[in-house]
């Protein structure tokens, strides 16, 4: 996950909580998410779980995620929600939501950029004139398109 995403999620969460008094989180299933001994239902394993936080709850948000005692039914459960596994933060009162997708690890992200650049270099010929004009030859792409 990119370094600023953790801080951004925390800021959005706190701003919505301060403005509306409660915030909903959609948390995807992960081995790192702890929902006491309750765990995830079969449906939640696929779709994630929605957790509600309000400004009267006691919780702490550290760099790694949120620790809180949450009540499910009549039983309190100790929970830990890693920041990486929070995919949506929303407030019905504010009619606002913040959504993120799963982020690849930094080293995978860098490899993907390099692969995309290499692939684009292979498919396009670029030549330079002495007039500082760049000419791009898309002939290979046109030939492939007419062959289909």
C-alpha atoms as a PDB file:
ATOM      1  CA  UNK A   1       0.000   0.000   0.000  1.00  0.00           C
ATOM      2  CA  UNK A   2       1.331   3.423  -0.818  1.00  0.00           C
ATOM      3  CA  UNK A   3       2.511   5.328   2.268  1.00  0.00           C
ATOM      4  CA  UNK A   4      -0.062   8.161   2.246  1.00  0.00           C
ATOM      5  CA  UNK A   5      -3.094   5.891   1.816  1.00  0.00           C
ATOM      6  CA  UNK A   6      -3.103   4.941   5.507  1.00  0.00           C
ATOM      7  CA  UNK A   7      -3.122   8.579   6.572  1.00  0.00           C
ATOM      8  CA  UNK A   8      -5.755   9.488   3.981  1.00  0.00           C
ATOM      9  CA  UNK A   9      -8.124   6.767   5.222  1.00  0.00           C
ATOM     10  CA  UNK A  10      -7.618   7.899   8.810  1.00  0.00           C
ATOM     11  CA  UNK A  11      -8.276  11.546   7.893  1.00  0.00           C
ATOM     12  CA  UNK A  12     -11.443  10.732   5.921  1.00  0.00           C
ATOM     13  CA  UNK A  13     -12.693   8.522   8.763  1.00  0.00           C
ATOM     14  CA  UNK A  14     -12.100  11.206  11.421  1.00  0.00           C
ATOM     15  CA  UNK A  15     -13.601  14.021   9.332  1.00  0.00           C
ATOM     16  CA  UNK A  16     -16.778  12.042   8.647  1.00  0.00           C
ATOM     17  CA  UNK A  17     -17.015  10.982  12.285  1.00  0.00           C
ATOM     18  CA  UNK A  18     -16.654  14.577  13.488  1.00  0.00           C
ATOM     19  CA  UNK A  19     -19.219  15.889  10.995  1.00  0.00           C
ATOM     20  CA  UNK A  20     -21.866  13.156  11.198  1.00  0.00           C
ATOM     21  CA  UNK A  21     -21.293  11.415  14.520  1.00  0.00           C
ATOM     22  CA  UNK A  22     -20.978   7.960  12.934  1.00  0.00           C
ATOM     23  CA  UNK A  23     -19.050   6.289  10.141  1.00  0.00           C
ATOM     24  CA  UNK A  24     -19.536   2.992   8.314  1.00  0.00           C
ATOM     25  CA  UNK A  25     -16.571   0.896   7.188  1.00  0.00           C
ATOM     26  CA  UNK A  26     -16.644  -1.895   4.642  1.00  0.00           C
ATOM     27  CA  UNK A  27     -13.869  -4.289   5.606  1.00  0.00           C
ATOM     28  CA  UNK A  28     -12.809  -7.073   3.272  1.00  0.00           C
ATOM     29  CA  UNK A  29     -12.003 -10.521   4.579  1.00  0.00           C
ATOM     30  CA  UNK A  30      -8.376 -11.085   5.402  1.00  0.00           C
ATOM     31  CA  UNK A  31      -6.520 -13.342   7.803  1.00  0.00           C
ATOM     32  CA  UNK A  32      -5.322 -10.148   9.504  1.00  0.00           C
ATOM     33  CA  UNK A  33      -8.835  -8.901  10.395  1.00  0.00           C
ATOM     34  CA  UNK A  34      -9.906  -9.933  13.898  1.00  0.00           C
ATOM     35  CA  UNK A  35     -13.605  -9.878  14.792  1.00  0.00           C
ATOM     36  CA  UNK A  36     -13.297 -11.523  18.210  1.00  0.00           C
ATOM     37  CA  UNK A  37     -14.415 -15.143  18.227  1.00  0.00           C
ATOM     38  CA  UNK A  38     -17.342 -14.254  15.932  1.00  0.00           C
ATOM     39  CA  UNK A  39     -15.280 -14.145  12.751  1.00  0.00           C
ATOM     40  CA  UNK A  40     -16.828 -13.687   9.298  1.00  0.00           C
ATOM     41  CA  UNK A  41     -20.015 -15.327   8.035  1.00  0.00           C
ATOM     42  CA  UNK A  42     -19.929 -17.139   4.669  1.00  0.00           C
ATOM     43  CA  UNK A  43     -21.511 -14.111   2.969  1.00  0.00           C
ATOM     44  CA  UNK A  44     -19.035 -11.726   4.632  1.00  0.00           C
ATOM     45  CA  UNK A  45     -16.106 -13.843   3.426  1.00  0.00           C
ATOM     46  CA  UNK A  46     -17.101 -12.877  -0.140  1.00  0.00           C
ATOM     47  CA  UNK A  47     -18.553  -9.373   0.289  1.00  0.00           C
ATOM     48  CA  UNK A  48     -16.833  -8.078   3.410  1.00  0.00           C
ATOM     49  CA  UNK A  49     -18.362  -6.875   6.663  1.00  0.00           C
ATOM     50  CA  UNK A  50     -19.897  -3.476   7.423  1.00  0.00           C
ATOM     51  CA  UNK A  51     -18.861  -2.038  10.787  1.00  0.00           C
ATOM     52  CA  UNK A  52     -20.352   1.085  12.366  1.00  0.00           C
ATOM     53  CA  UNK A  53     -18.299   3.461  14.500  1.00  0.00           C
ATOM     54  CA  UNK A  54     -19.763   6.397  16.406  1.00  0.00           C
ATOM     55  CA  UNK A  55     -18.186   9.179  18.422  1.00  0.00           C
ATOM     56  CA  UNK A  56     -19.197   7.648  21.775  1.00  0.00           C
ATOM     57  CA  UNK A  57     -17.220   4.440  21.130  1.00  0.00           C
ATOM     58  CA  UNK A  58     -13.787   3.847  22.520  1.00  0.00           C
ATOM     59  CA  UNK A  59     -11.352   2.821  19.828  1.00  0.00           C
ATOM     60  CA  UNK A  60      -7.807   3.609  18.793  1.00  0.00           C
ATOM     61  CA  UNK A  61      -6.427   4.059  15.310  1.00  0.00           C
ATOM     62  CA  UNK A  62      -2.722   3.310  15.132  1.00  0.00           C
ATOM     63  CA  UNK A  63      -0.610   3.146  11.951  1.00  0.00           C
ATOM     64  CA  UNK A  64      -1.518  -0.503  11.351  1.00  0.00           C
ATOM     65  CA  UNK A  65      -5.280  -0.172  11.867  1.00  0.00           C
ATOM     66  CA  UNK A  66      -8.182   0.226  14.295  1.00  0.00           C
ATOM     67  CA  UNK A  67      -8.556  -1.558  17.639  1.00  0.00           C
ATOM     68  CA  UNK A  68     -12.034  -1.518  19.179  1.00  0.00           C
ATOM     69  CA  UNK A  69     -14.475  -3.475  21.306  1.00  0.00           C
ATOM     70  CA  UNK A  70     -17.581  -3.907  19.160  1.00  0.00           C
ATOM     71  CA  UNK A  71     -20.930  -5.415  20.083  1.00  0.00           C
ATOM     72  CA  UNK A  72     -22.490  -8.098  17.872  1.00  0.00           C
ATOM     73  CA  UNK A  73     -25.892  -9.154  19.214  1.00  0.00           C
ATOM     74  CA  UNK A  74     -25.432  -8.984  22.969  1.00  0.00           C
ATOM     75  CA  UNK A  75     -21.762  -9.960  23.050  1.00  0.00           C
ATOM     76  CA  UNK A  76     -18.788  -7.607  22.972  1.00  0.00           C
ATOM     77  CA  UNK A  77     -15.930  -8.685  20.700  1.00  0.00           C
ATOM     78  CA  UNK A  78     -12.357  -7.419  20.608  1.00  0.00           C
ATOM     79  CA  UNK A  79     -11.667  -6.345  17.040  1.00  0.00           C
ATOM     80  CA  UNK A  80      -8.702  -5.262  14.995  1.00  0.00           C
ATOM     81  CA  UNK A  81      -9.179  -3.904  11.479  1.00  0.00           C
ATOM     82  CA  UNK A  82      -5.960  -3.387   9.484  1.00  0.00           C
ATOM     83  CA  UNK A  83      -5.958  -0.186   7.447  1.00  0.00           C
ATOM     84  CA  UNK A  84      -5.123  -2.193   4.294  1.00  0.00           C
ATOM     85  CA  UNK A  85      -8.389  -4.123   4.610  1.00  0.00           C
ATOM     86  CA  UNK A  86     -10.669  -1.064   4.817  1.00  0.00           C
ATOM     87  CA  UNK A  87     -12.075  -0.680   1.301  1.00  0.00           C
ATOM     88  CA  UNK A  88     -14.923   1.823   1.854  1.00  0.00           C
ATOM     89  CA  UNK A  89     -15.543   4.576   4.403  1.00  0.00           C
ATOM     90  CA  UNK A  90     -18.985   6.151   4.153  1.00  0.00           C
ATOM     91  CA  UNK A  91     -21.588   8.268   5.909  1.00  0.00           C
ATOM     92  CA  UNK A  92     -25.275   8.121   4.952  1.00  0.00           C
ATOM     93  CA  UNK A  93     -25.860  11.414   6.806  1.00  0.00           C
ATOM     94  CA  UNK A  94     -23.279  13.202   4.667  1.00  0.00           C
ATOM     95  CA  UNK A  95     -24.203  11.272   1.518  1.00  0.00           C
ATOM     96  CA  UNK A  96     -20.473  10.711   1.038  1.00  0.00           C
ATOM     97  CA  UNK A  97     -18.138   7.796   0.600  1.00  0.00           C
ATOM     98  CA  UNK A  98     -14.450   7.146   0.126  1.00  0.00           C
ATOM     99  CA  UNK A  99     -13.464   3.967  -1.689  1.00  0.00           C
ATOM    100  CA  UNK A 100     -10.094   2.357  -2.328  1.00  0.00           C
ATOM    101  CA  UNK A 101      -9.050  -0.810  -4.056  1.00  0.00           C
ATOM    102  CA  UNK A 102      -6.535  -3.341  -2.908  1.00  0.00           C
ATOM    103  CA  UNK A 103      -3.049  -1.972  -3.412  1.00  0.00           C
ATOM    104  CA  UNK A 104      -0.207  -4.169  -4.695  1.00  0.00           C
ATOM    105  CA  UNK A 105       2.946  -4.213  -2.598  1.00  0.00           C
ATOM    106  CA  UNK A 106       5.352  -1.441  -3.566  1.00  0.00           C
ATOM    107  CA  UNK A 107       7.803  -3.795  -5.305  1.00  0.00           C
ATOM    108  CA  UNK A 108       4.988  -5.300  -7.452  1.00  0.00           C
ATOM    109  CA  UNK A 109       3.768  -1.801  -8.306  1.00  0.00           C
ATOM    110  CA  UNK A 110       7.228  -0.818  -9.557  1.00  0.00           C
ATOM    111  CA  UNK A 111       7.548  -4.038 -11.626  1.00  0.00           C
ATOM    112  CA  UNK A 112       4.160  -3.411 -13.264  1.00  0.00           C
ATOM    113  CA  UNK A 113       5.209   0.093 -14.330  1.00  0.00           C
ATOM    114  CA  UNK A 114       8.446  -1.244 -15.845  1.00  0.00           C
ATOM    115  CA  UNK A 115       6.550  -4.005 -17.725  1.00  0.00           C
ATOM    116  CA  UNK A 116       4.031  -1.515 -19.139  1.00  0.00           C
ATOM    117  CA  UNK A 117       6.822   0.807 -20.301  1.00  0.00           C
ATOM    118  CA  UNK A 118       8.718  -2.069 -21.932  1.00  0.00           C
ATOM    119  CA  UNK A 119       5.571  -3.314 -23.662  1.00  0.00           C
ATOM    120  CA  UNK A 120       4.756   0.141 -25.038  1.00  0.00           C
ATOM    121  CA  UNK A 121       8.334   0.563 -26.313  1.00  0.00           C
ATOM    122  CA  UNK A 122       8.155  -2.736 -28.218  1.00  0.00           C
ATOM    123  CA  UNK A 123       4.906  -1.878 -29.983  1.00  0.00           C
ATOM    124  CA  UNK A 124       5.811   1.624 -31.231  1.00  0.00           C
ATOM    125  CA  UNK A 125       8.825   2.737 -33.285  1.00  0.00           C
ATOM    126  CA  UNK A 126      10.046   6.229 -32.503  1.00  0.00           C
ATOM    127  CA  UNK A 127      12.542   8.134 -34.612  1.00  0.00           C
ATOM    128  CA  UNK A 128      14.008  11.584 -34.032  1.00  0.00           C
ATOM    129  CA  UNK A 129      14.605  14.163 -36.754  1.00  0.00           C
ATOM    130  CA  UNK A 130      17.232  16.841 -36.490  1.00  0.00           C
ATOM    131  CA  UNK A 131      14.369  19.394 -36.230  1.00  0.00           C
ATOM    132  CA  UNK A 132      13.531  18.201 -32.694  1.00  0.00           C
ATOM    133  CA  UNK A 133      10.384  16.564 -34.044  1.00  0.00           C
ATOM    134  CA  UNK A 134       9.464  13.121 -32.820  1.00  0.00           C
ATOM    135  CA  UNK A 135       7.863  10.848 -35.411  1.00  0.00           C
ATOM    136  CA  UNK A 136       5.943   7.822 -34.294  1.00  0.00           C
ATOM    137  CA  UNK A 137       5.442   4.852 -36.606  1.00  0.00           C
ATOM    138  CA  UNK A 138       2.217   3.007 -35.806  1.00  0.00           C
ATOM    139  CA  UNK A 139       2.590   0.761 -38.861  1.00  0.00           C
ATOM    140  CA  UNK A 140       2.906  -2.468 -36.872  1.00  0.00           C
ATOM    141  CA  UNK A 141      -0.362  -1.795 -35.102  1.00  0.00           C
ATOM    142  CA  UNK A 142      -2.124  -0.982 -38.419  1.00  0.00           C
ATOM    143  CA  UNK A 143      -0.825  -4.178 -40.028  1.00  0.00           C
ATOM    144  CA  UNK A 144      -2.074  -6.286 -37.127  1.00  0.00           C
ATOM    145  CA  UNK A 145      -5.470  -4.598 -37.252  1.00  0.00           C
ATOM    146  CA  UNK A 146      -5.906  -5.341 -40.978  1.00  0.00           C
ATOM    147  CA  UNK A 147      -4.893  -8.991 -40.529  1.00  0.00           C
ATOM    148  CA  UNK A 148      -7.818  -9.660 -38.191  1.00  0.00           C
END
